[in-house]
Amino acid sequence: MLERRHAEDLPYATFVREYVARNRPVVVENAMLACPAMSKWTPEFFKREFGPRQVNISHGQRMTFDAFIDAVLASREDAPGPYMYRLFIGPHLPELLPDLEPQNPYAFPRRLASPLMLRPWRRPDGYLKLLIGGTGGHFPILHYDGENGHATITEIYGDKEFILYPPEDSAHVYPKPGVPNQSLIPDVQHPDPERFPLFARATQYRTVLRPGDMVFVPSRWWHAARALTPSISICQNIFDASNWAGYVDEICPLAPGLHGLKRMAKKAYLTGLGGILSVLERPAAPWRWPGGPAGPNRHRRCRRLQHLGRRQLGRKLTYQSAWVKFPAGNAACCGCGPGRNLPAHRVSGGEAWAARPISSICTGSWG
């Protein structure tokens, strides 16, 4: 069984130190209970509010929401219906975002939300996706998330089973040639022992998510999901020092010619940025500006960083016409005391999102 912790007994800093930094999976119980989605989001709600709208269900599959929900409610273990895993809430259903406030603090995307990330790679919502399936519905493949990402899946409605396998057992789960983060095994519940004899050696971890629970799936941990009842959940990705090097390697592969030079420049920037963010992510001790003493001046320097953050965030940001609002937290900002609310800033499409101080955005230390 997968380790479980209750949100009341797991401070965010402890979660980062003991699980994110160590690449250890965990279930956080009652991670998200206060937002309106917990009481509003049901299959009937989506059918009523978005019935005729065409939405992405999976690769190459689109349906109207009412037809999809009908299939979800008719799904059975012996005849599973479709499973939605290709709908990004920000660009496709931005009207749902207010239902997710206050957000799950454990799912904060950390470096993806940093204003120091260049625009093409900045995703303040952590690639927020909507996942819906009926009884027996399941994600179609055993996989781990691309770009070396950590993943968080938070259950909103219903019950869902998760199965995980550690990275060191990758050889036993039969990665696809050319697609190393996907397994050749079509059904981990009923594997073919003749085709996949090594699979029995893989160490399996199982858990069931109830409404409000979140599972943290570290980078390169293989996982699959199956709905035990009609199920609604959300998924987000996290990037920080623990998985940054692999992220940079994956999005900056070697290439010949001009493309290769551009990728080398991109990799150099992201590698240098990783070092800067690692400094900002260091916790607790009085923060020292390189070459300068700790002491009262550190507060002035921190305020300068916050001012820089506001200037960066005041520019036009683009997230595919979506908006994200980060809730205020009680995070310490480089030792300067609680983080503060900052004014909302406009983004492409006319929506707004609330900026956080640069230090708390870079460290992910809120909530």
Protein backbone atom coordinates (compact mmCIF):
# COMPACT_ATOMS: atom_id res chain seq x y z
CA MET A 1 0.00 0.00 0.00
CA LEU A 2 1.06 3.57 -0.65
CA GLU A 3 1.94 5.78 2.32
CA ARG A 4 -0.90 8.08 3.43
CA ARG A 5 -0.68 11.36 5.37
CA HIS A 6 -3.44 13.67 6.58
CA ALA A 7 -3.25 17.30 5.43
CA GLU A 8 -3.62 18.55 9.01
CA ASP A 9 -0.40 16.76 9.95
CA LEU A 10 1.61 17.53 6.81
CA PRO A 11 2.90 21.12 6.45
CA TYR A 12 3.70 22.10 2.91
CA ALA A 13 7.43 22.47 3.66
CA THR A 14 7.48 18.94 5.08
CA PHE A 15 5.70 17.62 1.98
CA VAL A 16 8.35 19.23 -0.26
CA ARG A 17 11.27 18.05 1.87
CA GLU A 18 10.15 14.47 2.56
CA TYR A 19 8.33 13.58 -0.66
CA VAL A 20 8.98 15.96 -3.58
CA ALA A 21 12.73 16.30 -2.95
CA ARG A 22 13.10 12.55 -2.30
CA ASN A 23 10.94 11.43 -5.24
CA ARG A 24 8.65 9.50 -2.85
CA PRO A 25 4.96 9.01 -3.64
CA VAL A 26 2.34 9.76 -1.00
CA VAL A 27 -1.40 10.20 -0.63
CA VAL A 28 -2.44 13.39 1.17
CA GLU A 29 -5.88 12.91 2.68
CA ASN A 30 -8.24 15.90 2.78
CA ALA A 31 -5.82 17.97 0.71
CA MET A 32 -8.65 19.89 -0.95
CA LEU A 33 -11.99 20.28 0.80
CA ALA A 34 -12.85 23.98 0.86
CA CYS A 35 -13.33 24.83 -2.82
CA PRO A 36 -16.82 24.95 -4.44
CA ALA A 37 -15.95 22.12 -6.85
CA MET A 38 -16.16 19.63 -3.99
CA SER A 39 -19.90 20.21 -3.69
CA LYS A 40 -20.75 21.34 -7.24
CA TRP A 41 -18.94 18.99 -9.59
CA THR A 42 -20.98 15.91 -10.39
CA PRO A 43 -21.60 14.15 -13.72
CA GLU A 44 -25.02 15.79 -13.82
CA PHE A 45 -23.46 19.24 -13.30
CA PHE A 46 -21.22 18.85 -16.36
CA LYS A 47 -24.08 17.54 -18.48
CA ARG A 48 -26.33 20.41 -17.44
CA GLU A 49 -23.77 23.21 -17.79
CA PHE A 50 -21.86 22.05 -20.89
CA GLY A 51 -24.16 19.50 -22.57
CA PRO A 52 -23.86 20.48 -26.27
CA ARG A 53 -20.22 21.58 -26.09
CA GLN A 54 -17.69 19.49 -28.01
CA VAL A 55 -14.71 18.58 -25.84
CA ASN A 56 -11.51 16.53 -26.12
CA ILE A 57 -11.84 13.13 -24.45
CA SER A 58 -8.68 11.33 -25.51
CA HIS A 59 -6.23 11.40 -28.41
CA GLY A 60 -8.34 11.69 -31.54
CA GLN A 61 -11.68 11.47 -29.71
CA ARG A 62 -14.13 14.34 -29.26
CA MET A 63 -17.69 14.14 -27.96
CA THR A 64 -20.40 16.46 -26.77
CA PHE A 65 -20.39 16.66 -22.99
CA ASP A 66 -23.93 15.29 -22.64
CA ALA A 67 -23.13 12.21 -24.77
CA PHE A 68 -19.89 11.69 -22.84
CA ILE A 69 -21.60 11.91 -19.44
CA ASP A 70 -24.28 9.46 -20.58
CA ALA A 71 -21.49 7.01 -21.49
CA VAL A 72 -19.78 7.62 -18.12
CA LEU A 73 -22.97 6.84 -16.19
CA ALA A 74 -23.56 3.71 -18.28
CA SER A 75 -19.99 2.46 -17.77
CA ARG A 76 -19.50 -0.92 -16.05
CA GLU A 77 -16.51 -3.01 -15.02
CA ASP A 78 -17.22 -5.49 -17.83
CA ALA A 79 -18.02 -2.75 -20.36
CA PRO A 80 -16.08 0.41 -19.40
CA GLY A 81 -16.97 3.69 -21.03
CA PRO A 82 -14.65 6.45 -22.28
CA TYR A 83 -12.16 8.11 -19.94
CA MET A 84 -11.47 11.84 -20.32
CA TYR A 85 -7.80 12.80 -20.02
CA ARG A 86 -7.18 15.41 -22.75
CA LEU A 87 -9.13 18.42 -21.50
CA PHE A 88 -7.02 21.32 -20.22
CA ILE A 89 -9.27 23.43 -18.02
CA GLY A 90 -7.57 26.80 -18.62
CA PRO A 91 -7.93 27.06 -22.41
CA HIS A 92 -11.02 24.87 -22.79
CA LEU A 93 -13.26 25.42 -19.74
CA PRO A 94 -11.92 28.55 -17.98
CA GLU A 95 -15.29 29.14 -16.32
CA LEU A 96 -14.50 26.20 -14.04
CA LEU A 97 -11.42 27.84 -12.49
CA PRO A 98 -13.25 29.81 -9.77
CA ASP A 99 -14.67 26.50 -8.50
CA LEU A 100 -11.11 25.40 -7.65
CA GLU A 101 -10.33 28.26 -5.27
CA PRO A 102 -8.84 27.98 -2.73
CA GLN A 103 -6.52 25.65 -4.59
CA ASN A 104 -4.83 22.54 -3.30
CA PRO A 105 -1.54 23.90 -1.89
CA TYR A 106 0.29 20.59 -2.37
CA ALA A 107 -0.30 20.83 -6.13
CA PHE A 108 1.40 24.21 -6.51
CA PRO A 109 3.44 23.98 -9.77
CA ARG A 110 6.47 25.77 -8.25
CA ARG A 111 8.90 26.67 -11.06
CA LEU A 112 6.22 26.58 -13.77
CA ALA A 113 4.66 29.60 -12.01
CA SER A 114 7.89 31.58 -11.69
CA PRO A 115 7.96 34.92 -13.53
CA LEU A 116 11.58 34.09 -14.37
CA MET A 117 10.38 31.30 -16.65
CA LEU A 118 10.27 32.51 -20.23
CA ARG A 119 6.77 32.75 -21.70
CA PRO A 120 6.80 29.55 -23.81
CA TRP A 121 7.47 27.40 -20.71
CA ARG A 122 5.52 29.35 -18.07
CA ARG A 123 2.36 27.51 -16.98
CA PRO A 124 1.05 29.00 -13.71
CA ASP A 125 -1.71 26.38 -13.55
CA GLY A 126 0.69 23.41 -13.79
CA TYR A 127 -1.04 22.07 -16.95
CA LEU A 128 -4.31 21.72 -15.05
CA LYS A 129 -6.37 18.90 -16.61
CA LEU A 130 -9.84 17.51 -16.00
CA LEU A 131 -10.15 13.73 -15.64
CA ILE A 132 -13.57 12.03 -15.76
CA GLY A 133 -14.45 8.36 -16.04
CA GLY A 134 -17.22 5.93 -15.18
CA THR A 135 -17.05 2.67 -13.26
CA GLY A 136 -14.30 0.56 -14.79
CA GLY A 137 -13.07 3.43 -16.96
CA HIS A 138 -9.31 3.80 -16.91
CA PHE A 139 -6.37 5.70 -18.31
CA PRO A 140 -5.48 3.70 -21.43
CA ILE A 141 -1.79 3.06 -20.73
CA LEU A 142 0.65 2.46 -17.91
CA HIS A 143 2.98 5.46 -18.15
CA TYR A 144 4.99 8.12 -16.39
CA ASP A 145 4.57 11.84 -17.08
CA GLY A 146 6.66 13.40 -19.82
CA GLU A 147 9.29 16.13 -19.38
CA ASN A 148 10.38 14.46 -16.13
CA GLY A 149 7.40 16.00 -14.37
CA HIS A 150 6.01 15.25 -10.95
CA ALA A 151 2.22 14.81 -11.02
CA THR A 152 -0.55 15.42 -8.53
CA ILE A 153 -4.05 13.99 -8.98
CA THR A 154 -6.75 15.33 -6.68
CA GLU A 155 -10.08 13.52 -6.43
CA ILE A 156 -13.16 15.77 -6.56
CA TYR A 157 -16.02 13.26 -6.90
CA GLY A 158 -16.25 9.49 -6.57
CA ASP A 159 -13.50 6.93 -5.92
CA LYS A 160 -10.49 6.06 -8.05
CA GLU A 161 -7.81 3.40 -7.70
CA PHE A 162 -4.17 4.18 -8.49
CA ILE A 163 -1.42 1.66 -9.20
CA LEU A 164 2.23 2.76 -9.15
CA TYR A 165 5.59 1.14 -9.97
CA PRO A 166 8.97 2.69 -9.06
CA PRO A 167 11.50 3.91 -11.66
CA GLU A 168 13.97 1.17 -10.77
CA ASP A 169 11.47 -1.40 -12.07
CA SER A 170 11.25 0.20 -15.52
CA ALA A 171 12.80 -2.83 -17.21
CA HIS A 172 10.01 -4.98 -15.80
CA VAL A 173 7.13 -2.88 -17.18
CA TYR A 174 8.23 -3.11 -20.84
CA PRO A 175 8.69 0.49 -22.09
CA LYS A 176 7.67 1.06 -25.70
CA PRO A 177 10.56 1.37 -28.14
CA GLY A 178 10.77 5.02 -29.12
CA VAL A 179 8.25 6.08 -26.45
CA PRO A 180 10.10 5.31 -23.22
CA ASN A 181 7.46 6.75 -20.85
CA GLN A 182 4.72 4.37 -22.07
CA SER A 183 4.41 0.66 -21.36
CA LEU A 184 3.58 -2.06 -23.85
CA ILE A 185 1.34 -3.72 -21.23
CA PRO A 186 -2.26 -2.90 -22.23
CA ASP A 187 -3.94 -3.86 -18.95
CA VAL A 188 -2.04 -3.99 -15.65
CA GLN A 189 -5.08 -5.60 -14.00
CA HIS A 190 -4.84 -8.62 -16.32
CA PRO A 191 -1.31 -8.83 -17.77
CA ASP A 192 -0.36 -11.62 -20.14
CA PRO A 193 2.35 -13.62 -18.29
CA GLU A 194 3.60 -15.17 -21.52
CA ARG A 195 4.09 -11.82 -23.29
CA PHE A 196 5.33 -9.99 -20.19
CA PRO A 197 6.99 -12.54 -17.88
CA LEU A 198 9.15 -9.92 -16.11
CA PHE A 199 6.15 -7.86 -15.05
CA ALA A 200 5.57 -10.11 -12.03
CA ARG A 201 8.89 -8.85 -10.61
CA ALA A 202 7.79 -5.20 -10.56
CA THR A 203 6.95 -3.79 -7.12
CA GLN A 204 3.34 -2.61 -7.12
CA TYR A 205 1.83 0.10 -4.91
CA ARG A 206 -1.94 0.51 -4.75
CA THR A 207 -4.19 3.14 -3.22
CA VAL A 208 -7.74 4.44 -3.49
CA LEU A 209 -8.52 8.15 -3.63
CA ARG A 210 -11.70 9.47 -1.98
CA PRO A 211 -13.06 13.00 -2.53
CA GLY A 212 -10.52 15.55 -1.28
CA ASP A 213 -7.57 13.13 -1.42
CA MET A 214 -4.49 13.78 -3.56
CA VAL A 215 -1.82 11.37 -4.75
CA PHE A 216 1.66 12.72 -5.45
CA VAL A 217 3.27 10.75 -8.29
CA PRO A 218 6.98 11.60 -8.50
CA SER A 219 8.88 11.87 -11.77
CA ARG A 220 9.43 8.60 -13.65
CA TRP A 221 7.09 6.64 -11.39
CA TRP A 222 4.91 4.45 -13.60
CA HIS A 223 1.20 4.74 -12.85
CA ALA A 224 -2.26 3.80 -14.04
CA ALA A 225 -5.71 4.74 -12.79
CA ARG A 226 -9.12 3.08 -12.75
CA ALA A 227 -12.45 4.57 -11.69
CA LEU A 228 -14.24 2.49 -9.06
CA THR A 229 -17.35 4.67 -9.32
CA PRO A 230 -18.17 7.61 -11.60
CA SER A 231 -15.10 9.76 -10.89
CA ILE A 232 -14.02 13.37 -11.39
CA SER A 233 -10.50 14.58 -10.59
CA ILE A 234 -7.91 17.14 -11.62
CA CYS A 235 -4.24 16.70 -12.50
CA GLN A 236 -1.34 19.14 -12.27
CA ASN A 237 2.43 18.99 -12.76
CA ILE A 238 5.24 20.21 -10.50
CA PHE A 239 8.80 21.20 -11.40
CA ASP A 240 11.54 22.22 -8.98
CA ALA A 241 15.17 21.39 -8.20
CA SER A 242 14.35 17.71 -7.69
CA ASN A 243 13.38 17.10 -11.33
CA TRP A 244 14.78 20.15 -13.13
CA ALA A 245 17.83 18.56 -14.79
CA GLY A 246 15.71 15.85 -16.39
CA TYR A 247 13.15 18.46 -17.50
CA VAL A 248 15.85 20.53 -19.23
CA ASP A 249 17.32 17.46 -20.93
CA GLU A 250 13.92 16.36 -22.25
CA ILE A 251 12.82 19.70 -23.70
CA CYS A 252 16.27 20.53 -25.10
CA PRO A 253 17.36 17.39 -27.00
CA LEU A 254 20.39 17.58 -29.24
CA ALA A 255 19.73 18.52 -32.86
CA PRO A 256 21.89 19.38 -35.89
CA GLY A 257 22.30 22.76 -37.51
CA LEU A 258 20.45 25.93 -36.54
CA HIS A 259 17.90 24.05 -34.47
CA GLY A 260 20.74 22.58 -32.46
CA LEU A 261 22.20 26.02 -31.73
CA LYS A 262 18.81 27.31 -30.60
CA ARG A 263 18.34 24.34 -28.33
CA MET A 264 21.81 24.80 -26.87
CA ALA A 265 20.95 28.43 -26.04
CA LYS A 266 17.63 27.35 -24.57
CA LYS A 267 19.33 24.69 -22.48
CA ALA A 268 21.96 27.15 -21.24
CA TYR A 269 19.26 29.59 -20.16
CA LEU A 270 17.19 26.97 -18.35
CA THR A 271 20.24 25.46 -16.69
CA GLY A 272 21.31 28.87 -15.40
CA LEU A 273 17.74 29.64 -14.34
CA GLY A 274 17.67 26.39 -12.39
CA GLY A 275 20.66 27.56 -10.36
CA ILE A 276 19.01 30.89 -9.56
CA LEU A 277 15.75 29.25 -8.54
CA SER A 278 17.61 26.73 -6.40
CA VAL A 279 19.06 29.62 -4.40
CA LEU A 280 15.60 31.15 -3.98
CA GLU A 281 14.18 27.78 -2.92
CA ARG A 282 16.54 27.33 0.01
CA PRO A 283 14.46 27.44 3.19
CA ALA A 284 14.66 28.83 6.66
CA ALA A 285 18.15 30.20 7.43
CA PRO A 286 18.66 34.02 7.18
CA TRP A 287 18.99 34.56 3.49
CA ARG A 288 22.33 35.91 2.23
CA TRP A 289 22.64 37.85 -0.97
CA PRO A 290 25.74 36.53 -2.79
CA GLY A 291 28.69 38.51 -1.49
CA GLY A 292 26.64 40.35 1.12
CA PRO A 293 26.05 39.84 4.83
CA ALA A 294 22.89 38.61 6.44
CA GLY A 295 21.12 41.21 8.53
CA PRO A 296 18.59 44.03 8.20
CA ASN A 297 19.57 44.70 4.58
CA ARG A 298 18.23 41.31 3.54
CA HIS A 299 14.70 42.70 3.97
CA ARG A 300 15.45 45.54 1.57
CA ARG A 301 16.95 43.10 -0.91
CA CYS A 302 13.92 40.86 -0.63
CA ARG A 303 11.65 43.82 -1.31
CA ARG A 304 13.72 44.57 -4.41
CA LEU A 305 13.13 41.01 -5.57
CA GLN A 306 9.40 41.42 -4.93
CA HIS A 307 9.44 44.68 -6.90
CA LEU A 308 11.17 42.89 -9.77
CA GLY A 309 8.51 40.21 -9.59
CA ARG A 310 5.72 42.75 -9.81
CA ARG A 311 7.39 44.41 -12.81
CA GLN A 312 7.75 41.06 -14.56
CA LEU A 313 4.19 40.01 -13.79
CA GLY A 314 2.84 43.41 -14.83
CA ARG A 315 3.82 42.66 -18.39
CA LYS A 316 1.39 40.90 -20.63
CA LEU A 317 1.44 37.18 -19.82
CA THR A 318 -0.01 34.53 -22.05
CA TYR A 319 -1.66 31.30 -21.02
CA GLN A 320 -3.91 30.47 -23.97
CA SER A 321 -6.58 32.99 -22.93
CA ALA A 322 -7.02 31.34 -19.55
CA TRP A 323 -6.61 32.76 -16.06
CA VAL A 324 -5.29 31.37 -12.87
CA LYS A 325 -5.57 32.92 -9.42
CA PHE A 326 -3.17 31.83 -6.73
CA PRO A 327 -4.62 32.10 -3.21
CA ALA A 328 -2.86 34.11 -0.56
CA GLY A 329 -0.78 32.00 1.79
CA ASN A 330 1.04 32.55 5.02
CA ALA A 331 4.42 31.76 3.55
CA ALA A 332 7.61 33.28 4.75
CA CYS A 333 9.25 35.22 1.94
CA CYS A 334 13.03 34.87 2.21
CA GLY A 335 12.66 35.36 5.96
CA CYS A 336 10.74 38.61 5.56
CA GLY A 337 7.46 37.42 7.04
CA PRO A 338 4.10 36.42 5.56
CA GLY A 339 3.57 36.65 1.85
CA ARG A 340 1.19 39.35 0.66
CA ASN A 341 -1.63 39.60 -1.85
CA LEU A 342 -0.59 41.49 -4.95
CA PRO A 343 -2.92 43.10 -7.49
CA ALA A 344 -4.36 40.96 -10.24
CA HIS A 345 -2.74 41.38 -13.64
CA ARG A 346 -4.34 41.04 -17.05
CA VAL A 347 -3.41 38.20 -19.35
CA SER A 348 -4.21 37.39 -22.96
CA GLY A 349 -7.93 37.07 -23.52
CA GLY A 350 -8.97 39.61 -20.92
CA GLU A 351 -8.96 37.39 -17.85
CA ALA A 352 -6.91 38.04 -14.73
CA TRP A 353 -4.78 36.15 -12.28
CA ALA A 354 -3.40 37.19 -8.93
CA ALA A 355 0.36 37.62 -8.82
CA ARG A 356 2.44 36.35 -5.92
CA PRO A 357 5.74 37.82 -4.70
CA ILE A 358 8.61 36.52 -6.80
CA SER A 359 10.21 34.80 -3.82
CA SER A 360 7.11 32.82 -2.88
CA ILE A 361 6.36 32.00 -6.52
CA CYS A 362 9.85 30.64 -7.04
CA THR A 363 9.85 28.64 -3.84
CA GLY A 364 6.26 27.49 -3.99
CA SER A 365 5.99 28.26 -0.29
CA TRP A 366 2.35 29.11 0.21
CA GLY A 367 -0.66 27.55 1.87
